[in-house]
Amino acid sequence: MAESTEEPNIDLQESESNNDNLNIKLSNNIEKLDLLDLKADYIDEESPPREEDCINSKDWKEKKKHIFILSSAGKPVYSRYGSEERLVTIFGVMQALVSFIQDSQDVIRSIHAGNLIFVFLLKGPIIVVSVSRTGESEEQLRLQLTYVYNQVISVLTLSQLTKIFEQRRNYDLRRLLAGSERLIDHLLTFTETKPEFILGSVRCLPLSVPSRDAITQTIISCCSKVKNLVFAVLLADDQLITLVRMKKYNLQTSDLHLIFNLVSASESFKTAESWTPICLPNFDSSGFLHAHVSYLAEDCQACLLLLTVDRDLFFTLS
């Protein structure tokens, strides 16, 4: 990677003490800011290197966008490419940058170094970072990081996440997120290939009005007597067919995107009825809804999700 001759600029959130945009030079001990070129000197040479873990490989360095999740204590949580265990130094650098700015009573938002953009999203005990040279704007990258954070919340709930780090600041969150990496991986692909994520919209399956109304009325007639059923969502091929809800509740677009991602990333849903908890952050970040997920037929792409607050309602919904 060619080194930029430009001085890196750090974009800081405005603070009460200084409402002007701040541009500062990095301290001498962080002269080279390109995380993609950091050396993994900490790796034990006697341990057999695995291809996915070797951050010095040409393949790893040539990735145009890296996404990292870490705790505020610097504990690795997720890396889009490579193994977190072998990226400890990089996670440490990112945490040090965040702490360095926080010591000045400010919040780091982004770093621009040539065609490379570092975007930081700080959410309580979680830090999400994008290192990108794709040409996407800072706003696009920040929106993507917000989706990644919401995906973590959808697995854990904000209440559980907050409680964990209040009790143990250096907790290794990978223990609870084990198996959920595929959801984050798939979500990142979604946000890069589906324009509805950037537009804040939902794609609807083209149907005639009578056909869509007939489908909706069928779902209502079957589910109207089921207590504690909050939402019924019918989708196919990442497109919404219909949405039925309780009158006093609404489902935000970003929450629908998480539902789409869950279905699209879970091939196991196609083989049998499933019962899975999901937190929808914009609906209620403090608790789970329980989703009964089923495809209408083996050769049908239509998937029906019935979301309820009652964890014991599986057999009623089957």
C-alpha atoms as a PDB file:
ATOM      1  CA  MET A   1       0.000   0.000   0.000  1.00  0.00           C
ATOM      2  CA  ALA A   2       1.403   3.391  -0.944  1.00  0.00           C
ATOM      3  CA  GLU A   3       1.854   5.687   2.014  1.00  0.00           C
ATOM      4  CA  SER A   4      -0.048   8.969   1.927  1.00  0.00           C
ATOM      5  CA  THR A   5       1.929  12.178   2.168  1.00  0.00           C
ATOM      6  CA  GLU A   6      -1.026  13.969   3.726  1.00  0.00           C
ATOM      7  CA  GLU A   7      -1.223  14.558   7.451  1.00  0.00           C
ATOM      8  CA  PRO A   8      -4.002  12.436   8.933  1.00  0.00           C
ATOM      9  CA  ASN A   9      -6.946  14.481  10.162  1.00  0.00           C
ATOM     10  CA  ILE A  10      -8.976  13.324  13.127  1.00  0.00           C
ATOM     11  CA  ASP A  11     -12.616  14.381  13.172  1.00  0.00           C
ATOM     12  CA  LEU A  12     -13.823  14.934  16.716  1.00  0.00           C
ATOM     13  CA  GLN A  13     -17.286  15.388  18.107  1.00  0.00           C
ATOM     14  CA  GLU A  14     -17.789  18.940  19.319  1.00  0.00           C
ATOM     15  CA  SER A  15     -17.414  19.472  23.061  1.00  0.00           C
ATOM     16  CA  GLU A  16     -18.605  22.294  25.290  1.00  0.00           C
ATOM     17  CA  SER A  17     -15.062  23.530  25.802  1.00  0.00           C
ATOM     18  CA  ASN A  18     -14.304  23.728  22.106  1.00  0.00           C
ATOM     19  CA  ASN A  19     -17.033  23.940  19.499  1.00  0.00           C
ATOM     20  CA  ASP A  20     -14.607  24.301  16.612  1.00  0.00           C
ATOM     21  CA  ASN A  21     -13.531  21.346  14.501  1.00  0.00           C
ATOM     22  CA  LEU A  22     -10.266  20.027  15.843  1.00  0.00           C
ATOM     23  CA  ASN A  23      -7.463  18.774  13.657  1.00  0.00           C
ATOM     24  CA  ILE A  24      -4.545  17.295  15.563  1.00  0.00           C
ATOM     25  CA  LYS A  25      -1.422  15.490  14.614  1.00  0.00           C
ATOM     26  CA  LEU A  26      -0.906  12.046  16.000  1.00  0.00           C
ATOM     27  CA  SER A  27       1.790  11.731  18.608  1.00  0.00           C
ATOM     28  CA  ASN A  28       5.214  10.551  17.486  1.00  0.00           C
ATOM     29  CA  ASN A  29       4.662   7.017  18.682  1.00  0.00           C
ATOM     30  CA  ILE A  30       1.766   6.569  16.233  1.00  0.00           C
ATOM     31  CA  GLU A  31       3.374   8.076  13.155  1.00  0.00           C
ATOM     32  CA  LYS A  32       2.180   5.427  10.733  1.00  0.00           C
ATOM     33  CA  LEU A  33      -1.551   5.121  11.059  1.00  0.00           C
ATOM     34  CA  ASP A  34      -2.300   2.511   8.393  1.00  0.00           C
ATOM     35  CA  LEU A  35      -3.694  -0.393  10.411  1.00  0.00           C
ATOM     36  CA  LEU A  36      -3.622  -2.564   7.321  1.00  0.00           C
ATOM     37  CA  ASP A  37       0.197  -2.507   7.374  1.00  0.00           C
ATOM     38  CA  LEU A  38       0.782  -3.197  11.074  1.00  0.00           C
ATOM     39  CA  LYS A  39       3.140  -6.084  11.658  1.00  0.00           C
ATOM     40  CA  ALA A  40       2.133  -9.037  13.781  1.00  0.00           C
ATOM     41  CA  ASP A  41       5.392  -9.271  15.700  1.00  0.00           C
ATOM     42  CA  TYR A  42       3.556 -10.676  18.697  1.00  0.00           C
ATOM     43  CA  ILE A  43       2.727 -13.930  16.883  1.00  0.00           C
ATOM     44  CA  ASP A  44       4.706 -16.857  18.141  1.00  0.00           C
ATOM     45  CA  GLU A  45       6.787 -18.071  15.199  1.00  0.00           C
ATOM     46  CA  GLU A  46       6.750 -21.600  16.556  1.00  0.00           C
ATOM     47  CA  SER A  47       2.961 -21.826  16.364  1.00  0.00           C
ATOM     48  CA  PRO A  48       1.713 -23.100  13.002  1.00  0.00           C
ATOM     49  CA  PRO A  49       0.229 -20.149  11.106  1.00  0.00           C
ATOM     50  CA  ARG A  50      -3.209 -20.580   9.612  1.00  0.00           C
ATOM     51  CA  GLU A  51      -4.145 -18.771   6.438  1.00  0.00           C
ATOM     52  CA  GLU A  52      -7.131 -16.950   7.953  1.00  0.00           C
ATOM     53  CA  ASP A  53      -5.035 -15.712  10.871  1.00  0.00           C
ATOM     54  CA  CYS A  54      -2.052 -14.322   8.991  1.00  0.00           C
ATOM     55  CA  ILE A  55      -2.585 -10.565   8.927  1.00  0.00           C
ATOM     56  CA  ASN A  56       0.666 -10.065   7.066  1.00  0.00           C
ATOM     57  CA  SER A  57      -0.645 -11.986   4.106  1.00  0.00           C
ATOM     58  CA  LYS A  58      -1.180 -10.153   0.837  1.00  0.00           C
ATOM     59  CA  ASP A  59      -4.825 -11.238   0.774  1.00  0.00           C
ATOM     60  CA  TRP A  60      -5.584  -9.683   4.185  1.00  0.00           C
ATOM     61  CA  LYS A  61      -3.884  -6.403   3.357  1.00  0.00           C
ATOM     62  CA  GLU A  62      -5.659  -6.080   0.017  1.00  0.00           C
ATOM     63  CA  LYS A  63      -9.137  -6.131   1.572  1.00  0.00           C
ATOM     64  CA  LYS A  64     -10.696  -2.763   0.836  1.00  0.00           C
ATOM     65  CA  LYS A  65     -12.750  -2.624   4.015  1.00  0.00           C
ATOM     66  CA  HIS A  66     -12.190  -4.041   7.481  1.00  0.00           C
ATOM     67  CA  ILE A  67     -14.767  -4.006  10.260  1.00  0.00           C
ATOM     68  CA  PHE A  68     -13.770  -4.451  13.899  1.00  0.00           C
ATOM     69  CA  ILE A  69     -15.763  -4.695  17.116  1.00  0.00           C
ATOM     70  CA  LEU A  70     -14.056  -4.319  20.469  1.00  0.00           C
ATOM     71  CA  SER A  71     -14.966  -3.498  24.026  1.00  0.00           C
ATOM     72  CA  SER A  72     -14.091  -0.188  25.649  1.00  0.00           C
ATOM     73  CA  ALA A  73     -11.392  -2.100  27.540  1.00  0.00           C
ATOM     74  CA  GLY A  74      -9.790  -3.115  24.234  1.00  0.00           C
ATOM     75  CA  LYS A  75     -10.988  -6.736  24.242  1.00  0.00           C
ATOM     76  CA  PRO A  76     -11.431  -8.091  20.695  1.00  0.00           C
ATOM     77  CA  VAL A  77     -14.999  -9.060  19.830  1.00  0.00           C
ATOM     78  CA  TYR A  78     -15.161  -9.408  16.049  1.00  0.00           C
ATOM     79  CA  SER A  79     -13.078  -8.955  12.931  1.00  0.00           C
ATOM     80  CA  ARG A  80     -14.541  -9.316   9.465  1.00  0.00           C
ATOM     81  CA  TYR A  81     -11.331 -10.865   8.175  1.00  0.00           C
ATOM     82  CA  GLY A  82      -8.811 -12.878  10.146  1.00  0.00           C
ATOM     83  CA  SER A  83      -8.807 -14.247  13.660  1.00  0.00           C
ATOM     84  CA  GLU A  84      -9.306 -11.861  16.576  1.00  0.00           C
ATOM     85  CA  GLU A  85      -6.600 -13.657  18.581  1.00  0.00           C
ATOM     86  CA  ARG A  86      -3.979 -12.635  16.048  1.00  0.00           C
ATOM     87  CA  LEU A  87      -5.168  -9.036  15.798  1.00  0.00           C
ATOM     88  CA  VAL A  88      -4.669  -8.094  19.436  1.00  0.00           C
ATOM     89  CA  THR A  89      -2.146  -5.375  18.609  1.00  0.00           C
ATOM     90  CA  ILE A  90      -4.495  -3.724  16.110  1.00  0.00           C
ATOM     91  CA  PHE A  91      -7.383  -3.795  18.585  1.00  0.00           C
ATOM     92  CA  GLY A  92      -5.050  -2.234  21.153  1.00  0.00           C
ATOM     93  CA  VAL A  93      -4.132   0.614  18.799  1.00  0.00           C
ATOM     94  CA  MET A  94      -7.799   1.388  18.117  1.00  0.00           C
ATOM     95  CA  GLN A  95      -8.636   1.406  21.823  1.00  0.00           C
ATOM     96  CA  ALA A  96      -5.635   3.660  22.486  1.00  0.00           C
ATOM     97  CA  LEU A  97      -6.850   6.168  19.882  1.00  0.00           C
ATOM     98  CA  VAL A  98     -10.293   6.263  21.487  1.00  0.00           C
ATOM     99  CA  SER A  99      -8.828   6.724  24.980  1.00  0.00           C
ATOM    100  CA  PHE A 100      -6.371   9.377  23.800  1.00  0.00           C
ATOM    101  CA  ILE A 101      -9.205  11.574  22.534  1.00  0.00           C
ATOM    102  CA  GLN A 102     -11.432  10.829  25.532  1.00  0.00           C
ATOM    103  CA  ASP A 103      -8.663  12.098  27.806  1.00  0.00           C
ATOM    104  CA  SER A 104      -9.186  15.455  26.086  1.00  0.00           C
ATOM    105  CA  GLN A 105     -12.892  15.342  26.952  1.00  0.00           C
ATOM    106  CA  ASP A 106     -13.833  14.681  23.341  1.00  0.00           C
ATOM    107  CA  VAL A 107     -15.033  11.814  21.143  1.00  0.00           C
ATOM    108  CA  ILE A 108     -13.217  10.508  18.103  1.00  0.00           C
ATOM    109  CA  ARG A 109     -15.420  10.137  15.037  1.00  0.00           C
ATOM    110  CA  SER A 110     -13.126   9.594  12.080  1.00  0.00           C
ATOM    111  CA  ILE A 111      -9.583   9.753  10.753  1.00  0.00           C
ATOM    112  CA  HIS A 112      -8.833  10.637   7.135  1.00  0.00           C
ATOM    113  CA  ALA A 113      -5.432   9.625   5.737  1.00  0.00           C
ATOM    114  CA  GLY A 114      -5.259   9.874   1.969  1.00  0.00           C
ATOM    115  CA  ASN A 115      -7.849   7.537   0.479  1.00  0.00           C
ATOM    116  CA  LEU A 116      -8.154   5.650   3.765  1.00  0.00           C
ATOM    117  CA  ILE A 117     -10.986   6.442   6.190  1.00  0.00           C
ATOM    118  CA  PHE A 118     -11.217   5.224   9.779  1.00  0.00           C
ATOM    119  CA  VAL A 119     -14.734   5.631  11.175  1.00  0.00           C
ATOM    120  CA  PHE A 120     -15.447   5.058  14.869  1.00  0.00           C
ATOM    121  CA  LEU A 121     -18.815   4.369  16.475  1.00  0.00           C
ATOM    122  CA  LEU A 122     -18.818   4.460  20.277  1.00  0.00           C
ATOM    123  CA  LYS A 123     -21.855   2.916  21.951  1.00  0.00           C
ATOM    124  CA  GLY A 124     -21.467   2.454  25.693  1.00  0.00           C
ATOM    125  CA  PRO A 125     -19.065  -0.438  26.298  1.00  0.00           C
ATOM    126  CA  ILE A 126     -18.839  -1.265  22.573  1.00  0.00           C
ATOM    127  CA  ILE A 127     -16.603   0.302  19.926  1.00  0.00           C
ATOM    128  CA  VAL A 128     -17.202  -0.457  16.242  1.00  0.00           C
ATOM    129  CA  VAL A 129     -14.574   0.606  13.715  1.00  0.00           C
ATOM    130  CA  SER A 130     -14.463   0.655   9.928  1.00  0.00           C
ATOM    131  CA  VAL A 131     -11.168   0.944   8.046  1.00  0.00           C
ATOM    132  CA  SER A 132     -12.099   1.578   4.434  1.00  0.00           C
ATOM    133  CA  ARG A 133     -10.697   2.627   1.101  1.00  0.00           C
ATOM    134  CA  THR A 134     -13.822   1.837  -0.914  1.00  0.00           C
ATOM    135  CA  GLY A 135     -14.712   5.451  -1.636  1.00  0.00           C
ATOM    136  CA  GLU A 136     -17.859   5.280   0.518  1.00  0.00           C
ATOM    137  CA  SER A 137     -18.675   8.418   2.457  1.00  0.00           C
ATOM    138  CA  GLU A 138     -18.203   8.711   6.194  1.00  0.00           C
ATOM    139  CA  GLU A 139     -21.989   8.819   6.617  1.00  0.00           C
ATOM    140  CA  GLN A 140     -22.422   5.544   4.714  1.00  0.00           C
ATOM    141  CA  LEU A 141     -19.754   3.837   6.791  1.00  0.00           C
ATOM    142  CA  ARG A 142     -21.248   5.126  10.032  1.00  0.00           C
ATOM    143  CA  LEU A 143     -24.673   3.814   9.025  1.00  0.00           C
ATOM    144  CA  GLN A 144     -23.119   0.426   8.337  1.00  0.00           C
ATOM    145  CA  LEU A 145     -21.452   0.432  11.762  1.00  0.00           C
ATOM    146  CA  THR A 146     -24.792   1.280  13.358  1.00  0.00           C
ATOM    147  CA  TYR A 147     -26.323  -1.783  11.729  1.00  0.00           C
ATOM    148  CA  VAL A 148     -23.444  -3.909  13.013  1.00  0.00           C
ATOM    149  CA  TYR A 149     -24.006  -2.597  16.537  1.00  0.00           C
ATOM    150  CA  ASN A 150     -27.745  -3.246  16.261  1.00  0.00           C
ATOM    151  CA  GLN A 151     -26.993  -6.797  15.149  1.00  0.00           C
ATOM    152  CA  VAL A 152     -25.017  -7.348  18.350  1.00  0.00           C
ATOM    153  CA  ILE A 153     -27.916  -5.949  20.378  1.00  0.00           C
ATOM    154  CA  SER A 154     -30.366  -8.207  18.530  1.00  0.00           C
ATOM    155  CA  VAL A 155     -28.454 -11.219  19.850  1.00  0.00           C
ATOM    156  CA  LEU A 156     -27.872 -10.021  23.429  1.00  0.00           C
ATOM    157  CA  THR A 157     -30.246  -7.091  24.218  1.00  0.00           C
ATOM    158  CA  LEU A 158     -28.878  -3.774  25.450  1.00  0.00           C
ATOM    159  CA  SER A 159     -29.838  -4.554  29.055  1.00  0.00           C
ATOM    160  CA  GLN A 160     -27.774  -7.736  29.122  1.00  0.00           C
ATOM    161  CA  LEU A 161     -24.838  -6.062  27.387  1.00  0.00           C
ATOM    162  CA  THR A 162     -24.812  -3.174  29.855  1.00  0.00           C
ATOM    163  CA  LYS A 163     -25.116  -5.470  32.866  1.00  0.00           C
ATOM    164  CA  ILE A 164     -22.249  -7.665  31.708  1.00  0.00           C
ATOM    165  CA  PHE A 165     -19.779  -4.807  31.385  1.00  0.00           C
ATOM    166  CA  GLU A 166     -20.914  -3.143  34.593  1.00  0.00           C
ATOM    167  CA  GLN A 167     -19.939  -6.334  36.411  1.00  0.00           C
ATOM    168  CA  ARG A 168     -16.792  -7.134  34.406  1.00  0.00           C
ATOM    169  CA  ARG A 169     -15.298  -4.380  32.283  1.00  0.00           C
ATOM    170  CA  ASN A 170     -12.818  -6.738  30.592  1.00  0.00           C
ATOM    171  CA  TYR A 171     -15.370  -9.462  29.796  1.00  0.00           C
ATOM    172  CA  ASP A 172     -14.731 -11.434  26.597  1.00  0.00           C
ATOM    173  CA  LEU A 173     -17.981 -10.886  24.696  1.00  0.00           C
ATOM    174  CA  ARG A 174     -17.122 -13.564  22.131  1.00  0.00           C
ATOM    175  CA  ARG A 175     -18.382 -16.149  24.593  1.00  0.00           C
ATOM    176  CA  LEU A 176     -21.934 -14.913  24.163  1.00  0.00           C
ATOM    177  CA  LEU A 177     -21.660 -14.099  20.464  1.00  0.00           C
ATOM    178  CA  ALA A 178     -20.213 -17.460  19.446  1.00  0.00           C
ATOM    179  CA  GLY A 179     -22.048 -18.624  16.338  1.00  0.00           C
ATOM    180  CA  SER A 180     -23.432 -15.161  15.606  1.00  0.00           C
ATOM    181  CA  GLU A 181     -20.489 -14.083  13.467  1.00  0.00           C
ATOM    182  CA  ARG A 182     -22.288 -15.381  10.386  1.00  0.00           C
ATOM    183  CA  LEU A 183     -25.113 -12.899  11.052  1.00  0.00           C
ATOM    184  CA  ILE A 184     -22.673  -9.992  11.152  1.00  0.00           C
ATOM    185  CA  ASP A 185     -20.834 -11.250   8.063  1.00  0.00           C
ATOM    186  CA  HIS A 186     -24.090 -11.584   6.154  1.00  0.00           C
ATOM    187  CA  LEU A 187     -25.342  -8.202   7.359  1.00  0.00           C
ATOM    188  CA  LEU A 188     -22.193  -6.505   6.091  1.00  0.00           C
ATOM    189  CA  THR A 189     -22.729  -8.058   2.665  1.00  0.00           C
ATOM    190  CA  PHE A 190     -26.352  -6.913   2.795  1.00  0.00           C
ATOM    191  CA  THR A 191     -25.416  -3.318   3.599  1.00  0.00           C
ATOM    192  CA  GLU A 192     -22.940  -3.254   0.719  1.00  0.00           C
ATOM    193  CA  THR A 193     -25.187  -4.803  -1.930  1.00  0.00           C
ATOM    194  CA  LYS A 194     -28.744  -3.803  -1.010  1.00  0.00           C
ATOM    195  CA  PRO A 195     -29.572  -0.131  -1.685  1.00  0.00           C
ATOM    196  CA  GLU A 196     -32.517  -0.232   0.727  1.00  0.00           C
ATOM    197  CA  PHE A 197     -30.079  -0.163   3.657  1.00  0.00           C
ATOM    198  CA  ILE A 198     -28.666   3.188   2.566  1.00  0.00           C
ATOM    199  CA  LEU A 199     -32.084   4.524   1.567  1.00  0.00           C
ATOM    200  CA  GLY A 200     -33.804   3.449   4.798  1.00  0.00           C
ATOM    201  CA  SER A 201     -36.447   1.583   2.834  1.00  0.00           C
ATOM    202  CA  VAL A 202     -37.862  -1.919   2.396  1.00  0.00           C
ATOM    203  CA  ARG A 203     -38.250  -3.747  -0.892  1.00  0.00           C
ATOM    204  CA  CYS A 204     -41.735  -5.142  -1.419  1.00  0.00           C
ATOM    205  CA  LEU A 205     -42.515  -8.152  -3.582  1.00  0.00           C
ATOM    206  CA  PRO A 206     -44.544  -6.944  -6.585  1.00  0.00           C
ATOM    207  CA  LEU A 207     -48.117  -8.232  -6.207  1.00  0.00           C
ATOM    208  CA  SER A 208     -51.536  -7.072  -7.277  1.00  0.00           C
ATOM    209  CA  VAL A 209     -53.525  -5.270  -4.597  1.00  0.00           C
ATOM    210  CA  PRO A 210     -56.215  -8.020  -4.388  1.00  0.00           C
ATOM    211  CA  SER A 211     -53.557 -10.723  -3.981  1.00  0.00           C
ATOM    212  CA  ARG A 212     -51.712  -8.851  -1.229  1.00  0.00           C
ATOM    213  CA  ASP A 213     -54.959  -8.031   0.573  1.00  0.00           C
ATOM    214  CA  ALA A 214     -56.046 -11.672   0.415  1.00  0.00           C
ATOM    215  CA  ILE A 215     -52.750 -12.824   1.937  1.00  0.00           C
ATOM    216  CA  THR A 216     -52.973 -10.205   4.674  1.00  0.00           C
ATOM    217  CA  GLN A 217     -56.554 -11.104   5.571  1.00  0.00           C
ATOM    218  CA  THR A 218     -55.649 -14.796   5.740  1.00  0.00           C
ATOM    219  CA  ILE A 219     -52.900 -14.094   8.261  1.00  0.00           C
ATOM    220  CA  ILE A 220     -55.180 -11.835  10.304  1.00  0.00           C
ATOM    221  CA  SER A 221     -57.959 -14.438  10.431  1.00  0.00           C
ATOM    222  CA  CYS A 222     -55.544 -17.137  11.600  1.00  0.00           C
ATOM    223  CA  CYS A 223     -53.671 -15.039  14.151  1.00  0.00           C
ATOM    224  CA  SER A 224     -56.252 -12.617  15.537  1.00  0.00           C
ATOM    225  CA  LYS A 225     -57.157 -14.910  18.431  1.00  0.00           C
ATOM    226  CA  VAL A 226     -53.570 -15.617  19.463  1.00  0.00           C
ATOM    227  CA  LYS A 227     -52.734 -13.645  22.602  1.00  0.00           C
ATOM    228  CA  ASN A 228     -49.457 -11.757  22.870  1.00  0.00           C
ATOM    229  CA  LEU A 229     -48.737 -12.004  19.153  1.00  0.00           C
ATOM    230  CA  VAL A 230     -47.117  -8.680  18.265  1.00  0.00           C
ATOM    231  CA  PHE A 231     -46.064  -8.963  14.608  1.00  0.00           C
ATOM    232  CA  ALA A 232     -46.545 -11.298  11.673  1.00  0.00           C
ATOM    233  CA  VAL A 233     -44.084 -10.807   8.823  1.00  0.00           C
ATOM    234  CA  LEU A 234     -44.263 -12.621   5.489  1.00  0.00           C
ATOM    235  CA  LEU A 235     -41.286 -12.239   3.178  1.00  0.00           C
ATOM    236  CA  ALA A 236     -39.707 -13.895   0.159  1.00  0.00           C
ATOM    237  CA  ASP A 237     -36.291 -13.424  -1.453  1.00  0.00           C
ATOM    238  CA  ASP A 238     -35.460 -10.506   0.861  1.00  0.00           C
ATOM    239  CA  GLN A 239     -38.672  -8.740  -0.120  1.00  0.00           C
ATOM    240  CA  LEU A 240     -41.647  -7.941   2.076  1.00  0.00           C
ATOM    241  CA  ILE A 241     -44.987  -9.475   1.127  1.00  0.00           C
ATOM    242  CA  THR A 242     -47.037  -8.214   4.056  1.00  0.00           C
ATOM    243  CA  LEU A 243     -46.742  -7.085   7.658  1.00  0.00           C
ATOM    244  CA  VAL A 244     -49.474  -7.493  10.269  1.00  0.00           C
ATOM    245  CA  ARG A 245     -49.106  -5.810  13.663  1.00  0.00           C
ATOM    246  CA  MET A 246     -50.899  -4.878  16.837  1.00  0.00           C
ATOM    247  CA  LYS A 247     -52.440  -1.435  16.467  1.00  0.00           C
ATOM    248  CA  LYS A 248     -50.329   0.195  19.157  1.00  0.00           C
ATOM    249  CA  TYR A 249     -46.984  -1.090  17.872  1.00  0.00           C
ATOM    250  CA  ASN A 250     -44.837  -0.150  14.893  1.00  0.00           C
ATOM    251  CA  LEU A 251     -41.890  -1.924  13.318  1.00  0.00           C
ATOM    252  CA  GLN A 252     -39.066   0.336  12.188  1.00  0.00           C
ATOM    253  CA  THR A 253     -37.319  -0.198   8.870  1.00  0.00           C
ATOM    254  CA  SER A 254     -33.958  -0.964  10.486  1.00  0.00           C
ATOM    255  CA  ASP A 255     -35.582  -3.669  12.630  1.00  0.00           C
ATOM    256  CA  LEU A 256     -37.142  -5.194   9.527  1.00  0.00           C
ATOM    257  CA  HIS A 257     -33.698  -5.287   7.955  1.00  0.00           C
ATOM    258  CA  LEU A 258     -32.429  -7.316  10.923  1.00  0.00           C
ATOM    259  CA  ILE A 259     -35.314  -9.755  10.445  1.00  0.00           C
ATOM    260  CA  PHE A 260     -34.503 -10.067   6.744  1.00  0.00           C
ATOM    261  CA  ASN A 261     -30.870 -10.693   7.609  1.00  0.00           C
ATOM    262  CA  LEU A 262     -31.756 -13.369  10.166  1.00  0.00           C
ATOM    263  CA  VAL A 263     -33.849 -15.298   7.651  1.00  0.00           C
ATOM    264  CA  SER A 264     -31.443 -14.922   4.749  1.00  0.00           C
ATOM    265  CA  ALA A 265     -28.417 -15.966   6.820  1.00  0.00           C
ATOM    266  CA  SER A 266     -30.089 -19.043   8.363  1.00  0.00           C
ATOM    267  CA  GLU A 267     -30.365 -21.949   5.944  1.00  0.00           C
ATOM    268  CA  SER A 268     -31.563 -24.166   8.796  1.00  0.00           C
ATOM    269  CA  PHE A 269     -34.912 -22.361   8.782  1.00  0.00           C
ATOM    270  CA  LYS A 270     -35.704 -24.070   5.474  1.00  0.00           C
ATOM    271  CA  THR A 271     -35.578 -27.563   6.951  1.00  0.00           C
ATOM    272  CA  ALA A 272     -37.903 -27.237   9.947  1.00  0.00           C
ATOM    273  CA  GLU A 273     -39.979 -24.867  12.057  1.00  0.00           C
ATOM    274  CA  SER A 274     -37.757 -22.787  14.296  1.00  0.00           C
ATOM    275  CA  TRP A 275     -38.190 -20.900  17.545  1.00  0.00           C
ATOM    276  CA  THR A 276     -35.615 -18.190  18.080  1.00  0.00           C
ATOM    277  CA  PRO A 277     -35.267 -15.114  20.298  1.00  0.00           C
ATOM    278  CA  ILE A 278     -34.520 -11.796  18.630  1.00  0.00           C
ATOM    279  CA  CYS A 279     -34.166  -8.316  20.064  1.00  0.00           C
ATOM    280  CA  LEU A 280     -35.347  -5.515  17.800  1.00  0.00           C
ATOM    281  CA  PRO A 281     -33.365  -2.498  19.075  1.00  0.00           C
ATOM    282  CA  ASN A 282     -35.723   0.214  17.827  1.00  0.00           C
ATOM    283  CA  PHE A 283     -38.793  -1.625  19.094  1.00  0.00           C
ATOM    284  CA  ASP A 284     -37.461  -2.623  22.517  1.00  0.00           C
ATOM    285  CA  SER A 285     -33.725  -2.815  23.134  1.00  0.00           C
ATOM    286  CA  SER A 286     -34.210  -4.199  26.646  1.00  0.00           C
ATOM    287  CA  GLY A 287     -35.846  -7.527  25.832  1.00  0.00           C
ATOM    288  CA  PHE A 288     -36.432 -10.323  23.370  1.00  0.00           C
ATOM    289  CA  LEU A 289     -39.291 -11.135  21.106  1.00  0.00           C
ATOM    290  CA  HIS A 290     -39.672 -14.819  20.303  1.00  0.00           C
ATOM    291  CA  ALA A 291     -40.008 -15.643  16.635  1.00  0.00           C
ATOM    292  CA  HIS A 292     -41.720 -18.688  15.178  1.00  0.00           C
ATOM    293  CA  VAL A 293     -40.090 -19.068  11.764  1.00  0.00           C
ATOM    294  CA  SER A 294     -41.400 -21.359   9.043  1.00  0.00           C
ATOM    295  CA  TYR A 295     -41.365 -21.629   5.272  1.00  0.00           C
ATOM    296  CA  LEU A 296     -44.784 -22.202   3.745  1.00  0.00           C
ATOM    297  CA  ALA A 297     -43.582 -25.185   1.687  1.00  0.00           C
ATOM    298  CA  GLU A 298     -40.349 -26.960   0.810  1.00  0.00           C
ATOM    299  CA  ASP A 299     -40.264 -25.514  -2.698  1.00  0.00           C
ATOM    300  CA  CYS A 300     -41.550 -22.067  -1.656  1.00  0.00           C
ATOM    301  CA  GLN A 301     -39.381 -19.042  -0.880  1.00  0.00           C
ATOM    302  CA  ALA A 302     -42.054 -17.413   1.288  1.00  0.00           C
ATOM    303  CA  CYS A 303     -41.107 -17.353   4.975  1.00  0.00           C
ATOM    304  CA  LEU A 304     -43.534 -16.458   7.764  1.00  0.00           C
ATOM    305  CA  LEU A 305     -42.329 -15.023  11.064  1.00  0.00           C
ATOM    306  CA  LEU A 306     -44.704 -14.740  14.002  1.00  0.00           C
ATOM    307  CA  LEU A 307     -43.217 -12.606  16.771  1.00  0.00           C
ATOM    308  CA  THR A 308     -44.540 -12.771  20.303  1.00  0.00           C
ATOM    309  CA  VAL A 309     -43.568 -11.723  23.814  1.00  0.00           C
ATOM    310  CA  ASP A 310     -44.615 -15.152  25.139  1.00  0.00           C
ATOM    311  CA  ARG A 311     -41.722 -17.608  25.151  1.00  0.00           C
ATOM    312  CA  ASP A 312     -44.112 -20.557  25.647  1.00  0.00           C
ATOM    313  CA  LEU A 313     -46.213 -19.988  22.543  1.00  0.00           C
ATOM    314  CA  PHE A 314     -44.315 -22.228  20.107  1.00  0.00           C
ATOM    315  CA  PHE A 315     -46.821 -25.086  19.893  1.00  0.00           C
ATOM    316  CA  THR A 316     -49.750 -22.685  19.618  1.00  0.00           C
ATOM    317  CA  LEU A 317     -48.122 -21.005  16.623  1.00  0.00           C
ATOM    318  CA  SER A 318     -47.016 -24.239  14.955  1.00  0.00           C
END
